[in-house]
Amino acid sequence: MKKIVPDPPVLHPSSRRNPDHDLANEVVRHALANTCVNGSLIATLQPTVAGPAGPDNPFAVRPGITAEEALIHVSMLLKSAEEVSDEITEHASGIERGLIWSLVHSVEMARGVVDALLDGNRRAPLG
């Protein structure tokens, strides 16, 4: 017998969505929607504070780094992640290759946003 209608999607009790992640996104969206800043938002951000290394945070953050310097460093880290992922993709096959390409795409988009933010704040003001 030929089945014409596909099965409905199976709903798993343990959804892959993370409620903590969704809440964090909502907090960021709310903050962005309610921020009124004249000029560069980057200029209004305070420099970094020391972030101690520990079991949950393997890297220490040096205090006093400006937002622009931090974003430049993030862009460089994302570029490195792109290059490593591209190299790994060449050796992968099957589903792993698709997962790595998805990772590459996400990293490229993140770097694009950071670079666009940096470029937008480097332009001379009009007027």
PDB file of N, CA and C in Angstrom:
ATOM      1  N   MET A   1       0.834  -1.179   0.000  1.00  0.00           N
ATOM      2  CA  MET A   1       0.000   0.000   0.000  1.00  0.00           C
ATOM      3  C   MET A   1       0.880   1.244   0.000  1.00  0.00           C
ATOM      4  N   LYS A   2       0.535   2.196  -0.816  1.00  0.00           N
ATOM      5  CA  LYS A   2       1.289   3.432  -0.917  1.00  0.00           C
ATOM      6  C   LYS A   2       0.730   4.460   0.055  1.00  0.00           C
ATOM      7  N   LYS A   3       1.615   5.062   0.811  1.00  0.00           N
ATOM      8  CA  LYS A   3       1.190   6.064   1.780  1.00  0.00           C
ATOM      9  C   LYS A   3       1.322   7.445   1.151  1.00  0.00           C
ATOM     10  N   ILE A   4       0.228   8.207   1.152  1.00  0.00           N
ATOM     11  CA  ILE A   4       0.239   9.521   0.520  1.00  0.00           C
ATOM     12  C   ILE A   4       0.622  10.619   1.508  1.00  0.00           C
ATOM     13  N   VAL A   5       0.153  10.532   2.730  1.00  0.00           N
ATOM     14  CA  VAL A   5       0.379  11.574   3.730  1.00  0.00           C
ATOM     15  C   VAL A   5       1.585  11.196   4.598  1.00  0.00           C
ATOM     16  N   PRO A   6       2.547  12.118   4.757  1.00  0.00           N
ATOM     17  CA  PRO A   6       3.693  11.788   5.611  1.00  0.00           C
ATOM     18  C   PRO A   6       3.309  11.777   7.083  1.00  0.00           C
ATOM     19  N   ASP A   7       4.109  11.083   7.859  1.00  0.00           N
ATOM     20  CA  ASP A   7       3.878  11.060   9.299  1.00  0.00           C
ATOM     21  C   ASP A   7       4.095  12.453   9.866  1.00  0.00           C
ATOM     22  N   PRO A   8       3.345  12.822  10.905  1.00  0.00           N
ATOM     23  CA  PRO A   8       3.589  14.127  11.531  1.00  0.00           C
ATOM     24  C   PRO A   8       4.937  14.095  12.253  1.00  0.00           C
ATOM     25  N   PRO A   9       5.539  15.262  12.486  1.00  0.00           N
ATOM     26  CA  PRO A   9       6.818  15.266  13.189  1.00  0.00           C
ATOM     27  C   PRO A   9       6.672  14.697  14.597  1.00  0.00           C
ATOM     28  N   VAL A  10       7.688  13.997  15.028  1.00  0.00           N
ATOM     29  CA  VAL A  10       7.686  13.400  16.360  1.00  0.00           C
ATOM     30  C   VAL A  10       8.172  14.461  17.341  1.00  0.00           C
ATOM     31  N   LEU A  11       7.369  14.701  18.355  1.00  0.00           N
ATOM     32  CA  LEU A  11       7.755  15.671  19.379  1.00  0.00           C
ATOM     33  C   LEU A  11       8.422  14.921  20.528  1.00  0.00           C
ATOM     34  N   HIS A  12       9.678  15.243  20.764  1.00  0.00           N
ATOM     35  CA  HIS A  12      10.411  14.608  21.848  1.00  0.00           C
ATOM     36  C   HIS A  12      10.248  15.423  23.119  1.00  0.00           C
ATOM     37  N   PRO A  13      10.092  14.755  24.253  1.00  0.00           N
ATOM     38  CA  PRO A  13       9.946  15.508  25.495  1.00  0.00           C
ATOM     39  C   PRO A  13      11.169  16.369  25.800  1.00  0.00           C
ATOM     40  N   SER A  14      12.340  15.912  25.400  1.00  0.00           N
ATOM     41  CA  SER A  14      13.550  16.706  25.652  1.00  0.00           C
ATOM     42  C   SER A  14      13.896  17.456  24.368  1.00  0.00           C
ATOM     43  N   SER A  15      13.312  18.618  24.230  1.00  0.00           N
ATOM     44  CA  SER A  15      13.545  19.434  23.040  1.00  0.00           C
ATOM     45  C   SER A  15      14.988  19.883  23.010  1.00  0.00           C
ATOM     46  N   ARG A  16      15.499  20.126  21.801  1.00  0.00           N
ATOM     47  CA  ARG A  16      16.871  20.592  21.668  1.00  0.00           C
ATOM     48  C   ARG A  16      17.001  22.071  22.021  1.00  0.00           C
ATOM     49  N   ARG A  17      15.910  22.776  22.174  1.00  0.00           N
ATOM     50  CA  ARG A  17      15.961  24.184  22.542  1.00  0.00           C
ATOM     51  C   ARG A  17      16.367  24.302  24.006  1.00  0.00           C
ATOM     52  N   ASN A  18      17.183  25.298  24.273  1.00  0.00           N
ATOM     53  CA  ASN A  18      17.662  25.523  25.621  1.00  0.00           C
ATOM     54  C   ASN A  18      16.946  26.743  26.191  1.00  0.00           C
ATOM     55  N   PRO A  19      16.118  26.577  27.228  1.00  0.00           N
ATOM     56  CA  PRO A  19      15.369  27.716  27.776  1.00  0.00           C
ATOM     57  C   PRO A  19      16.294  28.829  28.294  1.00  0.00           C
ATOM     58  N   ASP A  20      17.449  28.464  28.829  1.00  0.00           N
ATOM     59  CA  ASP A  20      18.393  29.487  29.307  1.00  0.00           C
ATOM     60  C   ASP A  20      18.912  30.319  28.141  1.00  0.00           C
ATOM     61  N   HIS A  21      19.181  29.656  27.019  1.00  0.00           N
ATOM     62  CA  HIS A  21      19.642  30.353  25.817  1.00  0.00           C
ATOM     63  C   HIS A  21      18.546  31.284  25.288  1.00  0.00           C
ATOM     64  N   ASP A  22      17.309  30.787  25.262  1.00  0.00           N
ATOM     65  CA  ASP A  22      16.187  31.608  24.797  1.00  0.00           C
ATOM     66  C   ASP A  22      15.998  32.826  25.693  1.00  0.00           C
ATOM     67  N   LEU A  23      16.117  32.636  26.999  1.00  0.00           N
ATOM     68  CA  LEU A  23      15.978  33.750  27.943  1.00  0.00           C
ATOM     69  C   LEU A  23      17.090  34.776  27.740  1.00  0.00           C
ATOM     70  N   ALA A  24      18.313  34.305  27.554  1.00  0.00           N
ATOM     71  CA  ALA A  24      19.437  35.220  27.328  1.00  0.00           C
ATOM     72  C   ALA A  24      19.223  36.022  26.049  1.00  0.00           C
ATOM     73  N   ASN A  25      18.737  35.375  24.990  1.00  0.00           N
ATOM     74  CA  ASN A  25      18.449  36.088  23.741  1.00  0.00           C
ATOM     75  C   ASN A  25      17.375  37.148  23.949  1.00  0.00           C
ATOM     76  N   GLU A  26      16.361  36.816  24.716  1.00  0.00           N
ATOM     77  CA  GLU A  26      15.281  37.770  24.969  1.00  0.00           C
ATOM     78  C   GLU A  26      15.787  38.974  25.767  1.00  0.00           C
ATOM     79  N   VAL A  27      16.662  38.752  26.725  1.00  0.00           N
ATOM     80  CA  VAL A  27      17.243  39.851  27.503  1.00  0.00           C
ATOM     81  C   VAL A  27      18.044  40.775  26.590  1.00  0.00           C
ATOM     82  N   VAL A  28      18.827  40.192  25.683  1.00  0.00           N
ATOM     83  CA  VAL A  28      19.625  41.003  24.751  1.00  0.00           C
ATOM     84  C   VAL A  28      18.704  41.786  23.819  1.00  0.00           C
ATOM     85  N   ARG A  29      17.679  41.133  23.276  1.00  0.00           N
ATOM     86  CA  ARG A  29      16.740  41.829  22.391  1.00  0.00           C
ATOM     87  C   ARG A  29      16.076  43.001  23.096  1.00  0.00           C
ATOM     88  N   HIS A  30      15.668  42.774  24.337  1.00  0.00           N
ATOM     89  CA  HIS A  30      15.019  43.825  25.121  1.00  0.00           C
ATOM     90  C   HIS A  30      15.976  44.989  25.365  1.00  0.00           C
ATOM     91  N   ALA A  31      17.220  44.683  25.722  1.00  0.00           N
ATOM     92  CA  ALA A  31      18.215  45.731  25.978  1.00  0.00           C
ATOM     93  C   ALA A  31      18.490  46.539  24.713  1.00  0.00           C
ATOM     94  N   LEU A  32      18.602  45.868  23.580  1.00  0.00           N
ATOM     95  CA  LEU A  32      18.862  46.577  22.327  1.00  0.00           C
ATOM     96  C   LEU A  32      17.682  47.456  21.930  1.00  0.00           C
ATOM     97  N   ALA A  33      16.482  46.972  22.150  1.00  0.00           N
ATOM     98  CA  ALA A  33      15.296  47.736  21.774  1.00  0.00           C
ATOM     99  C   ALA A  33      15.106  48.963  22.659  1.00  0.00           C
ATOM    100  N   ASN A  34      15.623  48.914  23.882  1.00  0.00           N
ATOM    101  CA  ASN A  34      15.410  50.007  24.826  1.00  0.00           C
ATOM    102  C   ASN A  34      16.662  50.834  25.084  1.00  0.00           C
ATOM    103  N   THR A  35      17.632  50.762  24.176  1.00  0.00           N
ATOM    104  CA  THR A  35      18.865  51.530  24.329  1.00  0.00           C
ATOM    105  C   THR A  35      18.798  52.760  23.444  1.00  0.00           C
ATOM    106  N   CYS A  36      18.962  53.914  24.043  1.00  0.00           N
ATOM    107  CA  CYS A  36      18.979  55.166  23.295  1.00  0.00           C
ATOM    108  C   CYS A  36      20.382  55.748  23.443  1.00  0.00           C
ATOM    109  N   VAL A  37      21.164  55.680  22.396  1.00  0.00           N
ATOM    110  CA  VAL A  37      22.542  56.169  22.446  1.00  0.00           C
ATOM    111  C   VAL A  37      22.768  57.129  21.298  1.00  0.00           C
ATOM    112  N   ASN A  38      23.336  58.276  21.610  1.00  0.00           N
ATOM    113  CA  ASN A  38      23.736  59.210  20.567  1.00  0.00           C
ATOM    114  C   ASN A  38      25.198  58.954  20.263  1.00  0.00           C
ATOM    115  N   GLY A  39      25.505  58.695  18.997  1.00  0.00           N
ATOM    116  CA  GLY A  39      26.889  58.411  18.620  1.00  0.00           C
ATOM    117  C   GLY A  39      27.160  56.925  18.638  1.00  0.00           C
ATOM    118  N   SER A  40      28.401  56.573  18.887  1.00  0.00           N
ATOM    119  CA  SER A  40      28.837  55.185  18.825  1.00  0.00           C
ATOM    120  C   SER A  40      28.551  54.446  20.120  1.00  0.00           C
ATOM    121  N   LEU A  41      27.850  53.326  20.002  1.00  0.00           N
ATOM    122  CA  LEU A  41      27.590  52.488  21.170  1.00  0.00           C
ATOM    123  C   LEU A  41      28.892  51.899  21.691  1.00  0.00           C
ATOM    124  N   ILE A  42      29.821  51.594  20.784  1.00  0.00           N
ATOM    125  CA  ILE A  42      31.108  51.035  21.204  1.00  0.00           C
ATOM    126  C   ILE A  42      31.826  52.006  22.136  1.00  0.00           C
ATOM    127  N   ALA A  43      31.742  53.304  21.828  1.00  0.00           N
ATOM    128  CA  ALA A  43      32.415  54.310  22.652  1.00  0.00           C
ATOM    129  C   ALA A  43      31.807  54.389  24.048  1.00  0.00           C
ATOM    130  N   THR A  44      30.551  53.980  24.206  1.00  0.00           N
ATOM    131  CA  THR A  44      29.906  54.053  25.523  1.00  0.00           C
ATOM    132  C   THR A  44      30.212  52.836  26.395  1.00  0.00           C
ATOM    133  N   LEU A  45      30.771  51.784  25.795  1.00  0.00           N
ATOM    134  CA  LEU A  45      31.072  50.569  26.563  1.00  0.00           C
ATOM    135  C   LEU A  45      32.326  50.757  27.410  1.00  0.00           C
ATOM    136  N   GLN A  46      32.281  50.220  28.582  1.00  0.00           N
ATOM    137  CA  GLN A  46      33.425  50.288  29.481  1.00  0.00           C
ATOM    138  C   GLN A  46      34.463  49.244  29.074  1.00  0.00           C
ATOM    139  N   PRO A  47      35.758  49.492  29.388  1.00  0.00           N
ATOM    140  CA  PRO A  47      36.791  48.487  29.098  1.00  0.00           C
ATOM    141  C   PRO A  47      36.544  47.200  29.877  1.00  0.00           C
ATOM    142  N   THR A  48      37.223  46.167  29.473  1.00  0.00           N
ATOM    143  CA  THR A  48      37.067  44.868  30.135  1.00  0.00           C
ATOM    144  C   THR A  48      37.556  44.928  31.570  1.00  0.00           C
ATOM    145  N   VAL A  49      37.024  44.030  32.366  1.00  0.00           N
ATOM    146  CA  VAL A  49      37.498  43.829  33.734  1.00  0.00           C
ATOM    147  C   VAL A  49      38.180  42.472  33.769  1.00  0.00           C
ATOM    148  N   ALA A  50      39.008  42.259  34.761  1.00  0.00           N
ATOM    149  CA  ALA A  50      39.728  40.987  34.859  1.00  0.00           C
ATOM    150  C   ALA A  50      38.739  39.847  35.015  1.00  0.00           C
ATOM    151  N   GLY A  51      38.929  38.823  34.216  1.00  0.00           N
ATOM    152  CA  GLY A  51      38.114  37.625  34.311  1.00  0.00           C
ATOM    153  C   GLY A  51      39.014  36.461  34.704  1.00  0.00           C
ATOM    154  N   PRO A  52      38.863  35.974  35.922  1.00  0.00           N
ATOM    155  CA  PRO A  52      39.773  34.919  36.378  1.00  0.00           C
ATOM    156  C   PRO A  52      39.560  33.603  35.640  1.00  0.00           C
ATOM    157  N   ALA A  53      40.638  32.892  35.438  1.00  0.00           N
ATOM    158  CA  ALA A  53      40.556  31.554  34.840  1.00  0.00           C
ATOM    159  C   ALA A  53      40.105  30.581  35.921  1.00  0.00           C
ATOM    160  N   GLY A  54      39.380  29.573  35.509  1.00  0.00           N
ATOM    161  CA  GLY A  54      38.903  28.564  36.444  1.00  0.00           C
ATOM    162  C   GLY A  54      38.311  27.403  35.687  1.00  0.00           C
ATOM    163  N   PRO A  55      37.680  26.470  36.380  1.00  0.00           N
ATOM    164  CA  PRO A  55      37.124  25.288  35.718  1.00  0.00           C
ATOM    165  C   PRO A  55      36.062  25.626  34.668  1.00  0.00           C
ATOM    166  N   ASP A  56      35.253  26.651  34.910  1.00  0.00           N
ATOM    167  CA  ASP A  56      34.207  27.031  33.964  1.00  0.00           C
ATOM    168  C   ASP A  56      34.685  28.057  32.942  1.00  0.00           C
ATOM    169  N   ASN A  57      35.844  28.635  33.157  1.00  0.00           N
ATOM    170  CA  ASN A  57      36.377  29.666  32.266  1.00  0.00           C
ATOM    171  C   ASN A  57      37.877  29.434  32.118  1.00  0.00           C
ATOM    172  N   PRO A  58      38.297  28.702  31.080  1.00  0.00           N
ATOM    173  CA  PRO A  58      39.705  28.314  30.974  1.00  0.00           C
ATOM    174  C   PRO A  58      40.655  29.448  30.611  1.00  0.00           C
ATOM    175  N   PHE A  59      40.122  30.623  30.242  1.00  0.00           N
ATOM    176  CA  PHE A  59      40.995  31.722  29.841  1.00  0.00           C
ATOM    177  C   PHE A  59      40.748  32.942  30.702  1.00  0.00           C
ATOM    178  N   ALA A  60      41.818  33.603  31.071  1.00  0.00           N
ATOM    179  CA  ALA A  60      41.708  34.844  31.826  1.00  0.00           C
ATOM    180  C   ALA A  60      41.610  36.001  30.841  1.00  0.00           C
ATOM    181  N   VAL A  61      40.826  37.003  31.196  1.00  0.00           N
ATOM    182  CA  VAL A  61      40.678  38.199  30.374  1.00  0.00           C
ATOM    183  C   VAL A  61      41.465  39.319  31.033  1.00  0.00           C
ATOM    184  N   ARG A  62      42.283  39.979  30.239  1.00  0.00           N
ATOM    185  CA  ARG A  62      43.080  41.088  30.749  1.00  0.00           C
ATOM    186  C   ARG A  62      42.184  42.309  30.941  1.00  0.00           C
ATOM    187  N   PRO A  63      42.312  43.002  32.049  1.00  0.00           N
ATOM    188  CA  PRO A  63      41.471  44.183  32.271  1.00  0.00           C
ATOM    189  C   PRO A  63      41.948  45.374  31.433  1.00  0.00           C
ATOM    190  N   GLY A  64      41.028  46.313  31.170  1.00  0.00           N
ATOM    191  CA  GLY A  64      41.367  47.558  30.508  1.00  0.00           C
ATOM    192  C   GLY A  64      41.366  47.534  28.995  1.00  0.00           C
ATOM    193  N   ILE A  65      40.813  46.491  28.387  1.00  0.00           N
ATOM    194  CA  ILE A  65      40.785  46.410  26.926  1.00  0.00           C
ATOM    195  C   ILE A  65      39.503  47.087  26.435  1.00  0.00           C
ATOM    196  N   THR A  66      39.638  47.983  25.462  1.00  0.00           N
ATOM    197  CA  THR A  66      38.467  48.678  24.934  1.00  0.00           C
ATOM    198  C   THR A  66      37.581  47.719  24.158  1.00  0.00           C
ATOM    199  N   ALA A  67      36.323  48.134  23.974  1.00  0.00           N
ATOM    200  CA  ALA A  67      35.372  47.300  23.221  1.00  0.00           C
ATOM    201  C   ALA A  67      35.868  47.074  21.802  1.00  0.00           C
ATOM    202  N   GLU A  68      36.434  48.101  21.175  1.00  0.00           N
ATOM    203  CA  GLU A  68      36.921  47.946  19.802  1.00  0.00           C
ATOM    204  C   GLU A  68      38.066  46.949  19.741  1.00  0.00           C
ATOM    205  N   GLU A  69      39.011  47.047  20.680  1.00  0.00           N
ATOM    206  CA  GLU A  69      40.125  46.085  20.700  1.00  0.00           C
ATOM    207  C   GLU A  69      39.614  44.669  20.927  1.00  0.00           C
ATOM    208  N   ALA A  70      38.637  44.516  21.812  1.00  0.00           N
ATOM    209  CA  ALA A  70      38.076  43.192  22.096  1.00  0.00           C
ATOM    210  C   ALA A  70      37.397  42.621  20.854  1.00  0.00           C
ATOM    211  N   LEU A  71      36.652  43.466  20.133  1.00  0.00           N
ATOM    212  CA  LEU A  71      35.978  42.998  18.923  1.00  0.00           C
ATOM    213  C   LEU A  71      36.971  42.626  17.827  1.00  0.00           C
ATOM    214  N   ILE A  72      38.060  43.359  17.728  1.00  0.00           N
ATOM    215  CA  ILE A  72      39.102  43.014  16.752  1.00  0.00           C
ATOM    216  C   ILE A  72      39.671  41.634  17.085  1.00  0.00           C
ATOM    217  N   HIS A  73      39.917  41.390  18.370  1.00  0.00           N
ATOM    218  CA  HIS A  73      40.445  40.092  18.795  1.00  0.00           C
ATOM    219  C   HIS A  73      39.423  38.986  18.504  1.00  0.00           C
ATOM    220  N   VAL A  74      38.151  39.242  18.769  1.00  0.00           N
ATOM    221  CA  VAL A  74      37.099  38.259  18.482  1.00  0.00           C
ATOM    222  C   VAL A  74      37.065  37.952  16.988  1.00  0.00           C
ATOM    223  N   SER A  75      37.196  38.982  16.163  1.00  0.00           N
ATOM    224  CA  SER A  75      37.206  38.774  14.714  1.00  0.00           C
ATOM    225  C   SER A  75      38.371  37.871  14.299  1.00  0.00           C
ATOM    226  N   MET A  76      39.533  38.102  14.879  1.00  0.00           N
ATOM    227  CA  MET A  76      40.702  37.268  14.554  1.00  0.00           C
ATOM    228  C   MET A  76      40.481  35.827  15.004  1.00  0.00           C
ATOM    229  N   LEU A  77      39.888  35.626  16.190  1.00  0.00           N
ATOM    230  CA  LEU A  77      39.606  34.272  16.670  1.00  0.00           C
ATOM    231  C   LEU A  77      38.606  33.571  15.756  1.00  0.00           C
ATOM    232  N   LEU A  78      37.584  34.301  15.316  1.00  0.00           N
ATOM    233  CA  LEU A  78      36.596  33.709  14.414  1.00  0.00           C
ATOM    234  C   LEU A  78      37.220  33.359  13.065  1.00  0.00           C
ATOM    235  N   LYS A  79      38.127  34.181  12.568  1.00  0.00           N
ATOM    236  CA  LYS A  79      38.823  33.884  11.310  1.00  0.00           C
ATOM    237  C   LYS A  79      39.628  32.592  11.462  1.00  0.00           C
ATOM    238  N   SER A  80      40.301  32.432  12.592  1.00  0.00           N
ATOM    239  CA  SER A  80      41.057  31.198  12.842  1.00  0.00           C
ATOM    240  C   SER A  80      40.127  29.990  12.884  1.00  0.00           C
ATOM    241  N   ALA A  81      38.968  30.148  13.518  1.00  0.00           N
ATOM    242  CA  ALA A  81      38.004  29.049  13.591  1.00  0.00           C
ATOM    243  C   ALA A  81      37.510  28.676  12.197  1.00  0.00           C
ATOM    244  N   GLU A  82      37.304  29.682  11.333  1.00  0.00           N
ATOM    245  CA  GLU A  82      36.904  29.409   9.942  1.00  0.00           C
ATOM    246  C   GLU A  82      37.957  28.561   9.237  1.00  0.00           C
ATOM    247  N   GLU A  83      39.213  28.968   9.375  1.00  0.00           N
ATOM    248  CA  GLU A  83      40.296  28.270   8.681  1.00  0.00           C
ATOM    249  C   GLU A  83      40.449  26.835   9.172  1.00  0.00           C
ATOM    250  N   VAL A  84      40.364  26.631  10.486  1.00  0.00           N
ATOM    251  CA  VAL A  84      40.476  25.281  11.040  1.00  0.00           C
ATOM    252  C   VAL A  84      39.297  24.426  10.564  1.00  0.00           C
ATOM    253  N   SER A  85      38.104  24.987  10.613  1.00  0.00           N
ATOM    254  CA  SER A  85      36.917  24.245  10.185  1.00  0.00           C
ATOM    255  C   SER A  85      36.987  23.887   8.709  1.00  0.00           C
ATOM    256  N   ASP A  86      37.456  24.826   7.884  1.00  0.00           N
ATOM    257  CA  ASP A  86      37.612  24.532   6.453  1.00  0.00           C
ATOM    258  C   ASP A  86      38.565  23.366   6.240  1.00  0.00           C
ATOM    259  N   GLU A  87      39.647  23.345   6.978  1.00  0.00           N
ATOM    260  CA  GLU A  87      40.638  22.271   6.846  1.00  0.00           C
ATOM    261  C   GLU A  87      40.044  20.924   7.278  1.00  0.00           C
ATOM    262  N   ILE A  88      39.313  20.926   8.376  1.00  0.00           N
ATOM    263  CA  ILE A  88      38.711  19.685   8.875  1.00  0.00           C
ATOM    264  C   ILE A  88      37.660  19.170   7.892  1.00  0.00           C
ATOM    265  N   THR A  89      36.903  20.087   7.284  1.00  0.00           N
ATOM    266  CA  THR A  89      35.840  19.701   6.358  1.00  0.00           C
ATOM    267  C   THR A  89      36.378  18.890   5.188  1.00  0.00           C
ATOM    268  N   GLU A  90      37.575  19.215   4.719  1.00  0.00           N
ATOM    269  CA  GLU A  90      38.158  18.495   3.587  1.00  0.00           C
ATOM    270  C   GLU A  90      38.378  17.015   3.894  1.00  0.00           C
ATOM    271  N   HIS A  91      38.551  16.684   5.176  1.00  0.00           N
ATOM    272  CA  HIS A  91      38.845  15.309   5.567  1.00  0.00           C
ATOM    273  C   HIS A  91      37.618  14.568   6.103  1.00  0.00           C
ATOM    274  N   ALA A  92      36.504  15.267   6.235  1.00  0.00           N
ATOM    275  CA  ALA A  92      35.303  14.655   6.800  1.00  0.00           C
ATOM    276  C   ALA A  92      34.432  14.075   5.690  1.00  0.00           C
ATOM    277  N   SER A  93      33.508  13.236   6.097  1.00  0.00           N
ATOM    278  CA  SER A  93      32.560  12.684   5.130  1.00  0.00           C
ATOM    279  C   SER A  93      31.221  12.491   5.825  1.00  0.00           C
ATOM    280  N   GLY A  94      30.193  12.333   5.026  1.00  0.00           N
ATOM    281  CA  GLY A  94      28.870  12.057   5.566  1.00  0.00           C
ATOM    282  C   GLY A  94      28.319  13.186   6.401  1.00  0.00           C
ATOM    283  N   ILE A  95      27.658  12.793   7.469  1.00  0.00           N
ATOM    284  CA  ILE A  95      26.987  13.779   8.319  1.00  0.00           C
ATOM    285  C   ILE A  95      27.985  14.716   9.000  1.00  0.00           C
ATOM    286  N   GLU A  96      29.186  14.209   9.299  1.00  0.00           N
ATOM    287  CA  GLU A  96      30.197  15.067   9.928  1.00  0.00           C
ATOM    288  C   GLU A  96      30.534  16.262   9.036  1.00  0.00           C
ATOM    289  N   ARG A  97      30.629  16.007   7.747  1.00  0.00           N
ATOM    290  CA  ARG A  97      30.945  17.084   6.805  1.00  0.00           C
ATOM    291  C   ARG A  97      29.853  18.160   6.830  1.00  0.00           C
ATOM    292  N   GLY A  98      28.598  17.731   6.862  1.00  0.00           N
ATOM    293  CA  GLY A  98      27.484  18.676   6.934  1.00  0.00           C
ATOM    294  C   GLY A  98      27.490  19.469   8.220  1.00  0.00           C
ATOM    295  N   LEU A  99      27.787  18.795   9.327  1.00  0.00           N
ATOM    296  CA  LEU A  99      27.846  19.494  10.618  1.00  0.00           C
ATOM    297  C   LEU A  99      28.971  20.522  10.644  1.00  0.00           C
ATOM    298  N   ILE A 100      30.105  20.162  10.088  1.00  0.00           N
ATOM    299  CA  ILE A 100      31.233  21.095  10.069  1.00  0.00           C
ATOM    300  C   ILE A 100      30.928  22.287   9.172  1.00  0.00           C
ATOM    301  N   TRP A 101      30.278  22.037   8.012  1.00  0.00           N
ATOM    302  CA  TRP A 101      29.907  23.149   7.142  1.00  0.00           C
ATOM    303  C   TRP A 101      28.939  24.084   7.849  1.00  0.00           C
ATOM    304  N   SER A 102      28.037  23.520   8.641  1.00  0.00           N
ATOM    305  CA  SER A 102      27.110  24.342   9.417  1.00  0.00           C
ATOM    306  C   SER A 102      27.882  25.205  10.415  1.00  0.00           C
ATOM    307  N   LEU A 103      28.882  24.601  11.047  1.00  0.00           N
ATOM    308  CA  LEU A 103      29.736  25.340  11.980  1.00  0.00           C
ATOM    309  C   LEU A 103      30.475  26.458  11.256  1.00  0.00           C
ATOM    310  N   VAL A 104      31.045  26.147  10.097  1.00  0.00           N
ATOM    311  CA  VAL A 104      31.772  27.159   9.305  1.00  0.00           C
ATOM    312  C   VAL A 104      30.835  28.319   8.979  1.00  0.00           C
ATOM    313  N   HIS A 105      29.621  28.000   8.551  1.00  0.00           N
ATOM    314  CA  HIS A 105      28.663  29.039   8.190  1.00  0.00           C
ATOM    315  C   HIS A 105      28.341  29.930   9.395  1.00  0.00           C
ATOM    316  N   SER A 106      28.117  29.337  10.556  1.00  0.00           N
ATOM    317  CA  SER A 106      27.816  30.116  11.761  1.00  0.00           C
ATOM    318  C   SER A 106      28.980  31.015  12.152  1.00  0.00           C
ATOM    319  N   VAL A 107      30.188  30.489  12.073  1.00  0.00           N
ATOM    320  CA  VAL A 107      31.375  31.279  12.426  1.00  0.00           C
ATOM    321  C   VAL A 107      31.556  32.428  11.430  1.00  0.00           C
ATOM    322  N   GLU A 108      31.344  32.144  10.142  1.00  0.00           N
ATOM    323  CA  GLU A 108      31.467  33.205   9.127  1.00  0.00           C
ATOM    324  C   GLU A 108      30.436  34.306   9.362  1.00  0.00           C
ATOM    325  N   MET A 109      29.216  33.925   9.715  1.00  0.00           N
ATOM    326  CA  MET A 109      28.192  34.933   9.991  1.00  0.00           C
ATOM    327  C   MET A 109      28.556  35.757  11.224  1.00  0.00           C
ATOM    328  N   ALA A 110      29.045  35.100  12.268  1.00  0.00           N
ATOM    329  CA  ALA A 110      29.435  35.824  13.477  1.00  0.00           C
ATOM    330  C   ALA A 110      30.560  36.814  13.177  1.00  0.00           C
ATOM    331  N   ARG A 111      31.547  36.378  12.408  1.00  0.00           N
ATOM    332  CA  ARG A 111      32.648  37.277  12.059  1.00  0.00           C
ATOM    333  C   ARG A 111      32.150  38.422  11.187  1.00  0.00           C
ATOM    334  N   GLY A 112      31.215  38.141  10.295  1.00  0.00           N
ATOM    335  CA  GLY A 112      30.635  39.193   9.459  1.00  0.00           C
ATOM    336  C   GLY A 112      29.959  40.270  10.288  1.00  0.00           C
ATOM    337  N   VAL A 113      29.235  39.860  11.323  1.00  0.00           N
ATOM    338  CA  VAL A 113      28.568  40.827  12.196  1.00  0.00           C
ATOM    339  C   VAL A 113      29.602  41.656  12.960  1.00  0.00           C
ATOM    340  N   VAL A 114      30.608  41.003  13.521  1.00  0.00           N
ATOM    341  CA  VAL A 114      31.650  41.723  14.274  1.00  0.00           C
ATOM    342  C   VAL A 114      32.382  42.697  13.361  1.00  0.00           C
ATOM    343  N   ASP A 115      32.771  42.244  12.168  1.00  0.00           N
ATOM    344  CA  ASP A 115      33.498  43.119  11.243  1.00  0.00           C
ATOM    345  C   ASP A 115      32.641  44.286  10.776  1.00  0.00           C
ATOM    346  N   ALA A 116      31.351  44.046  10.526  1.00  0.00           N
ATOM    347  CA  ALA A 116      30.456  45.121  10.113  1.00  0.00           C
ATOM    348  C   ALA A 116      30.294  46.146  11.233  1.00  0.00           C
ATOM    349  N   LEU A 117      30.235  45.661  12.454  1.00  0.00           N
ATOM    350  CA  LEU A 117      30.144  46.564  13.605  1.00  0.00           C
ATOM    351  C   LEU A 117      31.397  47.420  13.713  1.00  0.00           C
ATOM    352  N   LEU A 118      32.542  46.797  13.566  1.00  0.00           N
ATOM    353  CA  LEU A 118      33.805  47.544  13.617  1.00  0.00           C
ATOM    354  C   LEU A 118      33.888  48.550  12.472  1.00  0.00           C
ATOM    355  N   ASP A 119      33.556  48.122  11.251  1.00  0.00           N
ATOM    356  CA  ASP A 119      33.607  49.017  10.091  1.00  0.00           C
ATOM    357  C   ASP A 119      32.645  50.182  10.252  1.00  0.00           C
ATOM    358  N   GLY A 120      31.452  49.916  10.766  1.00  0.00           N
ATOM    359  CA  GLY A 120      30.457  50.970  10.953  1.00  0.00           C
ATOM    360  C   GLY A 120      30.892  52.010  11.972  1.00  0.00           C
ATOM    361  N   ASN A 121      31.707  51.616  12.924  1.00  0.00           N
ATOM    362  CA  ASN A 121      32.160  52.557  13.950  1.00  0.00           C
ATOM    363  C   ASN A 121      33.477  53.225  13.596  1.00  0.00           C
ATOM    364  N   ARG A 122      34.073  52.843  12.484  1.00  0.00           N
ATOM    365  CA  ARG A 122      35.322  53.478  12.047  1.00  0.00           C
ATOM    366  C   ARG A 122      35.063  54.589  11.042  1.00  0.00           C
ATOM    367  N   ARG A 123      33.858  54.656  10.507  1.00  0.00           N
ATOM    368  CA  ARG A 123      33.539  55.674   9.506  1.00  0.00           C
ATOM    369  C   ARG A 123      33.512  57.043  10.157  1.00  0.00           C
ATOM    370  N   ALA A 124      33.945  58.028   9.395  1.00  0.00           N
ATOM    371  CA  ALA A 124      33.887  59.405   9.890  1.00  0.00           C
ATOM    372  C   ALA A 124      32.433  59.855   9.920  1.00  0.00           C
ATOM    373  N   PRO A 125      32.016  60.562  10.989  1.00  0.00           N
ATOM    374  CA  PRO A 125      30.640  61.016  11.066  1.00  0.00           C
ATOM    375  C   PRO A 125      30.325  62.013   9.950  1.00  0.00           C
ATOM    376  N   LEU A 126      29.115  61.937   9.426  1.00  0.00           N
ATOM    377  CA  LEU A 126      28.695  62.838   8.364  1.00  0.00           C
ATOM    378  C   LEU A 126      28.330  64.188   8.956  1.00  0.00           C
ATOM    379  N   GLY A 127      28.568  65.247   8.187  1.00  0.00           N
ATOM    380  CA  GLY A 127      28.132  66.574   8.623  1.00  0.00           C
ATOM    381  C   GLY A 127      29.230  67.448   8.860  1.00  0.00           C
TER     382      GLY A 127
END
